[in-house]
N, C-alpha and C. Protein backbone atom coordinates (compact mmCIF):
# COMPACT_ATOMS: atom_id res chain seq x y z
N MET A 1 121.61 163.59 92.88
CA MET A 1 121.67 164.58 92.01
C MET A 1 120.73 165.69 93.15
N SER A 2 119.77 165.02 93.60
CA SER A 2 118.63 165.30 94.75
C SER A 2 119.00 166.01 95.66
N ALA A 3 120.34 165.35 96.49
CA ALA A 3 120.40 165.87 97.46
C ALA A 3 121.36 167.30 97.01
N ARG A 4 121.94 167.18 95.70
CA ARG A 4 123.07 168.06 95.66
C ARG A 4 121.76 169.57 95.60
N SER A 5 120.65 169.19 94.83
CA SER A 5 120.08 170.59 94.35
C SER A 5 119.26 171.47 95.94
N THR A 6 119.06 170.43 97.08
CA THR A 6 118.44 170.66 97.92
C THR A 6 118.88 172.22 98.90
N PRO A 7 118.71 172.84 99.42
CA PRO A 7 119.45 173.80 99.84
C PRO A 7 120.04 173.35 101.05
N HIS A 8 121.36 173.86 101.35
CA HIS A 8 121.92 173.15 102.78
C HIS A 8 122.69 174.66 103.59
N PRO A 9 121.75 175.32 104.02
CA PRO A 9 122.23 176.18 104.97
C PRO A 9 123.26 176.18 105.86
N GLY A 10 124.36 176.92 105.84
CA GLY A 10 125.55 176.93 106.47
C GLY A 10 126.11 175.49 106.37
N THR A 11 126.20 174.82 105.45
CA THR A 11 126.72 173.57 105.30
C THR A 11 127.01 173.31 103.71
N SER A 12 128.26 172.68 103.52
CA SER A 12 128.68 172.51 101.98
C SER A 12 127.52 171.40 101.68
N GLU A 13 127.06 171.86 100.33
CA GLU A 13 126.49 170.58 99.82
C GLU A 13 127.23 169.26 98.96
N ILE A 14 128.52 169.45 99.23
CA ILE A 14 129.05 168.43 98.53
C ILE A 14 129.26 167.88 99.83
N ASP A 15 129.51 168.06 100.78
CA ASP A 15 129.89 167.49 102.27
C ASP A 15 128.17 166.92 102.84
N ALA A 16 127.04 167.53 102.85
CA ALA A 16 126.05 166.70 103.26
C ALA A 16 125.38 165.80 102.19
N ALA A 17 125.87 165.62 100.58
CA ALA A 17 125.60 164.62 99.91
C ALA A 17 126.63 163.47 99.79
N GLY A 18 127.41 163.80 100.65
CA GLY A 18 128.40 162.66 101.06
C GLY A 18 129.24 162.59 99.76
N LEU A 19 129.83 163.70 99.10
CA LEU A 19 130.65 163.49 97.37
C LEU A 19 131.71 164.03 98.41
N THR A 20 132.96 163.96 97.49
CA THR A 20 134.39 164.44 97.49
C THR A 20 134.49 165.40 96.57
N ALA A 21 135.07 166.32 97.19
CA ALA A 21 135.72 167.20 96.47
C ALA A 21 137.25 167.10 96.07
N LEU A 22 137.21 167.15 94.92
CA LEU A 22 138.93 167.21 94.13
C LEU A 22 139.29 168.42 93.21
N PRO A 23 140.75 168.97 93.52
CA PRO A 23 140.84 170.42 93.01
C PRO A 23 140.88 169.93 91.78
N GLY A 24 140.62 171.19 90.74
CA GLY A 24 140.67 171.30 89.27
C GLY A 24 142.46 171.45 88.71
N VAL A 25 141.96 171.02 87.98
CA VAL A 25 143.38 170.85 87.19
C VAL A 25 144.25 172.26 86.06
N SER A 26 143.30 173.07 85.81
CA SER A 26 143.27 174.18 84.46
C SER A 26 142.68 175.66 85.61
N ILE A 27 141.34 174.92 86.32
CA ILE A 27 140.81 176.24 86.79
C ILE A 27 140.75 175.80 88.94
N PRO A 28 141.29 177.00 89.26
CA PRO A 28 141.16 176.73 90.71
C PRO A 28 139.69 176.76 91.51
N VAL A 29 138.97 175.37 90.94
CA VAL A 29 137.70 175.56 91.31
C VAL A 29 137.44 173.89 91.49
N PRO A 30 137.25 173.76 92.74
CA PRO A 30 136.88 171.86 92.65
C PRO A 30 135.94 171.33 91.84
N ARG A 31 135.95 170.21 91.62
CA ARG A 31 135.17 169.46 90.86
C ARG A 31 134.74 168.38 91.84
N ILE A 32 133.87 167.27 91.52
CA ILE A 32 133.19 166.26 91.90
C ILE A 32 133.73 165.26 91.50
N ALA A 33 134.43 164.55 92.56
CA ALA A 33 135.25 163.09 92.26
C ALA A 33 134.20 161.82 91.64
N GLU A 34 132.81 161.80 92.01
CA GLU A 34 132.40 160.88 91.86
C GLU A 34 131.12 160.76 90.53
N ALA A 35 131.29 161.95 90.26
CA ALA A 35 131.04 162.51 88.60
C ALA A 35 131.36 161.83 87.64
N ALA A 36 130.40 161.12 86.77
CA ALA A 36 131.09 160.49 85.41
C ALA A 36 131.76 161.17 84.72
N ALA A 37 131.48 162.58 84.82
CA ALA A 37 132.28 163.43 83.42
C ALA A 37 132.23 164.96 84.31
N SER A 38 132.87 165.75 84.45
CA SER A 38 132.95 167.17 84.87
C SER A 38 134.06 168.03 83.87
N LEU A 39 133.92 169.08 83.56
CA LEU A 39 134.77 170.13 82.68
C LEU A 39 134.98 171.39 83.51
N GLU A 40 135.88 171.79 83.48
CA GLU A 40 136.47 173.25 84.01
C GLU A 40 136.61 173.63 82.53
N CYS A 41 135.96 175.20 82.95
CA CYS A 41 135.60 176.19 82.45
C CYS A 41 135.95 177.51 82.31
N ARG A 42 136.61 178.53 81.59
CA ARG A 42 136.90 179.66 81.93
C ARG A 42 135.68 180.26 81.36
N HIS A 43 135.43 181.54 82.35
CA HIS A 43 134.28 182.38 82.08
C HIS A 43 134.61 183.19 81.05
N TYR A 44 133.63 183.35 80.10
CA TYR A 44 133.71 184.26 79.13
C TYR A 44 132.92 185.41 79.28
N GLN A 45 131.38 184.96 79.13
CA GLN A 45 130.31 186.40 79.13
C GLN A 45 129.17 185.60 80.50
N THR A 46 128.93 186.66 80.95
CA THR A 46 127.50 186.23 81.88
C THR A 46 126.56 187.30 80.91
N LEU A 47 124.97 186.80 80.46
CA LEU A 47 124.37 187.07 79.61
C LEU A 47 122.94 187.00 80.80
N GLN A 48 122.44 188.24 81.32
CA GLN A 48 121.35 188.52 81.77
C GLN A 48 120.26 188.50 80.71
N VAL A 49 119.42 187.32 80.73
CA VAL A 49 117.86 186.60 79.81
C VAL A 49 116.94 187.28 80.60
N SER A 50 116.69 187.61 81.36
CA SER A 50 115.50 188.15 82.57
C SER A 50 115.92 188.16 83.44
N PRO A 51 115.26 189.25 84.62
CA PRO A 51 115.25 189.51 85.66
C PRO A 51 115.62 188.59 86.51
N GLU A 52 115.49 187.25 86.47
CA GLU A 52 115.91 186.01 87.32
C GLU A 52 116.64 185.07 86.85
N ARG A 53 117.12 185.10 85.65
CA ARG A 53 117.91 184.43 84.69
C ARG A 53 119.34 184.88 84.48
N ARG A 54 120.26 184.29 84.31
CA ARG A 54 121.61 184.79 83.74
C ARG A 54 121.95 183.34 83.07
N LEU A 55 122.82 183.30 81.91
CA LEU A 55 123.17 182.67 81.06
C LEU A 55 124.92 182.59 80.67
N CYS A 56 125.23 182.14 81.62
CA CYS A 56 127.18 182.00 81.44
C CYS A 56 127.52 181.47 80.44
N VAL A 57 128.74 181.71 79.48
CA VAL A 57 129.25 181.02 78.05
C VAL A 57 130.13 181.17 78.99
N GLY A 58 130.94 179.85 78.88
CA GLY A 58 132.36 179.28 79.24
C GLY A 58 133.40 178.88 78.02
N GLU A 59 134.62 178.90 78.19
CA GLU A 59 135.43 177.96 77.48
C GLU A 59 135.38 177.05 77.98
N VAL A 60 135.51 175.81 77.64
CA VAL A 60 136.14 174.28 78.10
C VAL A 60 137.64 174.43 77.99
N VAL A 61 138.36 174.05 79.20
CA VAL A 61 139.85 174.28 79.11
C VAL A 61 140.23 172.74 79.46
N TYR A 62 139.07 171.80 80.52
CA TYR A 62 139.76 170.51 80.70
C TYR A 62 138.43 169.86 81.07
N LEU A 63 138.44 168.59 80.45
CA LEU A 63 137.90 167.44 80.82
C LEU A 63 137.97 166.41 81.66
N HIS A 64 137.23 165.77 82.82
CA HIS A 64 137.66 164.49 83.24
C HIS A 64 136.55 163.91 83.25
N ALA A 65 136.92 162.53 82.64
CA ALA A 65 136.07 161.34 82.34
C ALA A 65 136.09 160.07 82.84
N ARG A 66 135.00 159.65 83.12
CA ARG A 66 135.64 158.11 83.97
C ARG A 66 135.98 157.34 82.53
N ALA A 67 136.93 156.55 83.60
CA ALA A 67 137.35 155.38 82.27
C ALA A 67 136.29 154.75 81.53
N GLY A 68 136.55 155.03 80.16
CA GLY A 68 136.04 154.36 79.07
C GLY A 68 134.65 155.02 78.48
N ILE A 69 134.60 156.23 79.60
CA ILE A 69 133.75 156.72 78.86
C ILE A 69 133.78 157.92 77.29
N VAL A 70 135.32 158.41 76.98
CA VAL A 70 135.49 158.99 76.28
C VAL A 70 136.80 158.03 75.30
N ASP A 71 137.00 157.67 74.07
CA ASP A 71 137.80 157.23 73.34
C ASP A 71 138.53 158.24 73.04
N PRO A 72 139.93 158.07 74.05
CA PRO A 72 140.88 159.29 73.69
C PRO A 72 141.32 159.66 71.98
N ALA A 73 141.36 158.48 71.45
CA ALA A 73 142.21 158.24 70.18
C ALA A 73 141.29 159.43 69.15
N ARG A 74 139.74 158.94 69.11
CA ARG A 74 138.73 159.66 68.42
C ARG A 74 137.87 160.84 68.94
N MET A 75 138.15 160.61 70.37
CA MET A 75 136.99 162.00 70.80
C MET A 75 136.14 161.72 70.84
N TYR A 76 135.10 160.51 71.14
CA TYR A 76 134.01 160.04 70.61
C TYR A 76 133.32 159.64 71.92
N VAL A 77 132.29 160.06 72.86
CA VAL A 77 131.46 159.72 73.88
C VAL A 77 130.89 158.01 73.66
N ASN A 78 131.33 157.27 74.58
CA ASN A 78 131.19 155.55 74.41
C ASN A 78 129.72 155.97 75.36
N LEU A 79 128.08 156.13 74.78
CA LEU A 79 126.72 156.29 75.45
C LEU A 79 126.13 155.23 76.16
N ASP A 80 127.12 154.05 75.95
CA ASP A 80 126.59 152.61 76.75
C ASP A 80 127.46 152.85 77.78
N VAL A 81 128.39 153.21 77.83
CA VAL A 81 129.33 153.39 78.83
C VAL A 81 128.52 155.08 80.37
N TYR A 82 128.64 155.41 79.16
CA TYR A 82 128.54 156.98 80.30
C TYR A 82 126.87 157.25 80.81
N ARG A 83 125.97 156.69 79.77
CA ARG A 83 124.13 156.74 80.05
C ARG A 83 123.94 157.76 80.77
N PRO A 84 123.88 159.14 80.08
CA PRO A 84 123.56 160.55 80.38
C PRO A 84 121.61 160.11 80.69
N VAL A 85 121.82 161.43 81.54
CA VAL A 85 119.95 162.03 82.20
C VAL A 85 120.18 163.13 81.62
N ALA A 86 118.97 163.53 80.77
CA ALA A 86 118.05 164.68 80.70
C ALA A 86 117.36 165.62 81.43
N ARG A 87 117.47 166.66 81.82
CA ARG A 87 116.75 167.32 82.21
C ARG A 87 116.08 168.18 81.65
N LEU A 88 114.58 167.52 81.65
CA LEU A 88 113.53 168.44 80.75
C LEU A 88 113.07 169.68 81.23
N PHE A 89 112.48 169.82 82.21
CA PHE A 89 112.19 171.12 83.06
C PHE A 89 111.56 170.77 84.14
N ALA A 90 111.26 171.90 85.17
CA ALA A 90 110.54 171.68 86.29
C ALA A 90 111.07 170.14 87.01
N ASN A 91 110.81 169.16 87.29
CA ASN A 91 111.26 167.98 87.98
C ASN A 91 111.34 166.85 87.47
N LEU A 92 111.08 167.03 85.86
CA LEU A 92 111.39 166.27 84.84
C LEU A 92 112.44 165.16 84.63
N TYR A 93 113.05 164.36 84.40
CA TYR A 93 114.21 163.83 83.94
C TYR A 93 113.86 162.84 83.05
N ALA A 94 114.79 162.59 82.04
CA ALA A 94 114.91 161.51 81.47
C ALA A 94 115.94 160.99 80.91
N PRO A 95 116.20 159.47 80.76
CA PRO A 95 117.17 158.82 79.97
C PRO A 95 117.31 159.04 78.61
N LEU A 96 118.72 158.46 78.39
CA LEU A 96 118.41 158.86 76.85
C LEU A 96 118.40 158.00 75.87
N GLY A 97 117.05 158.02 75.01
CA GLY A 97 116.65 156.79 74.43
C GLY A 97 117.61 156.42 73.65
N LYS A 98 117.70 155.55 72.38
CA LYS A 98 118.65 154.91 71.18
C LYS A 98 118.71 156.02 70.64
N PRO A 99 120.14 156.53 70.33
CA PRO A 99 120.60 157.55 69.42
C PRO A 99 120.13 157.28 67.97
N PHE A 100 119.87 158.05 67.32
CA PHE A 100 120.15 158.38 65.69
C PHE A 100 121.39 159.58 65.32
N THR A 101 121.42 158.92 64.00
CA THR A 101 122.37 159.92 63.42
C THR A 101 121.25 160.87 62.03
N LEU A 102 121.13 162.02 62.41
CA LEU A 102 120.53 162.81 61.38
C LEU A 102 121.67 163.74 60.60
N VAL A 103 121.81 163.39 59.50
CA VAL A 103 122.85 164.18 58.61
C VAL A 103 122.37 165.34 58.47
N ARG A 104 123.04 166.46 58.18
CA ARG A 104 122.41 168.08 57.69
C ARG A 104 122.68 168.20 56.72
N GLN A 105 122.00 168.75 55.77
CA GLN A 105 121.98 168.96 54.30
C GLN A 105 122.44 170.45 54.05
N THR A 106 123.32 170.77 53.50
CA THR A 106 123.59 172.23 52.58
C THR A 106 122.33 172.55 52.41
N TYR A 107 122.45 173.91 52.03
CA TYR A 107 121.12 174.51 51.46
C TYR A 107 120.65 174.06 50.52
N ALA A 108 122.22 174.34 49.47
CA ALA A 108 121.92 173.20 47.62
C ALA A 108 121.43 172.11 48.14
N GLU A 109 121.52 171.30 49.06
CA GLU A 109 120.95 169.76 48.92
C GLU A 109 119.40 169.66 49.28
N TRP A 110 119.49 170.91 50.30
CA TRP A 110 117.70 171.10 50.61
C TRP A 110 116.97 171.70 49.43
N LEU A 111 117.46 172.82 48.77
CA LEU A 111 117.08 172.94 47.58
C LEU A 111 116.58 172.23 46.74
N ALA A 112 117.56 171.34 46.23
CA ALA A 112 117.56 170.32 45.12
C ALA A 112 116.39 169.28 45.50
N SER A 113 116.26 169.25 46.73
CA SER A 113 115.25 167.92 47.03
C SER A 113 114.16 168.58 47.79
N SER A 114 113.60 169.88 47.75
CA SER A 114 112.79 170.33 48.56
C SER A 114 111.47 170.42 46.87
N GLY A 115 112.16 171.07 45.80
CA GLY A 115 111.34 170.89 44.82
C GLY A 115 110.77 172.38 44.34
N ILE A 116 111.72 173.25 45.60
CA ILE A 116 111.40 175.06 45.35
C ILE A 116 112.32 175.31 44.09
N LYS A 117 112.25 176.52 43.22
CA LYS A 117 112.99 176.67 42.42
C LYS A 117 113.39 178.16 43.36
N SER A 118 114.69 177.98 42.92
CA SER A 118 115.45 179.49 43.63
C SER A 118 115.65 180.54 42.21
N GLY A 119 115.80 181.93 43.17
CA GLY A 119 115.65 183.09 42.42
C GLY A 119 114.41 184.23 42.15
């Protein structure tokens, strides 16, 4: 990941990092063969959020995943196999800790449990 983020003027970042490019299935853009997972996306919209920052929004049209990462019958990600790393900010990264479930309440459930009277 570090080699990929280093500028390589005049040369392919993929080649410089010793990675392999494979053609996309639905989108004519290459993907990295060594990636545990990759998404092929169709561009929807780009938003300029500041003079230096843009946010690109797209539609996922194809998923590539290393064997064992996604249960194809249930479409669930096996986190023990995937082991994602999160980018926090600047140069800080972190492994994913133990996942937990947080069930979202409806407004009516929240209101009933909060003691607040509506109306």
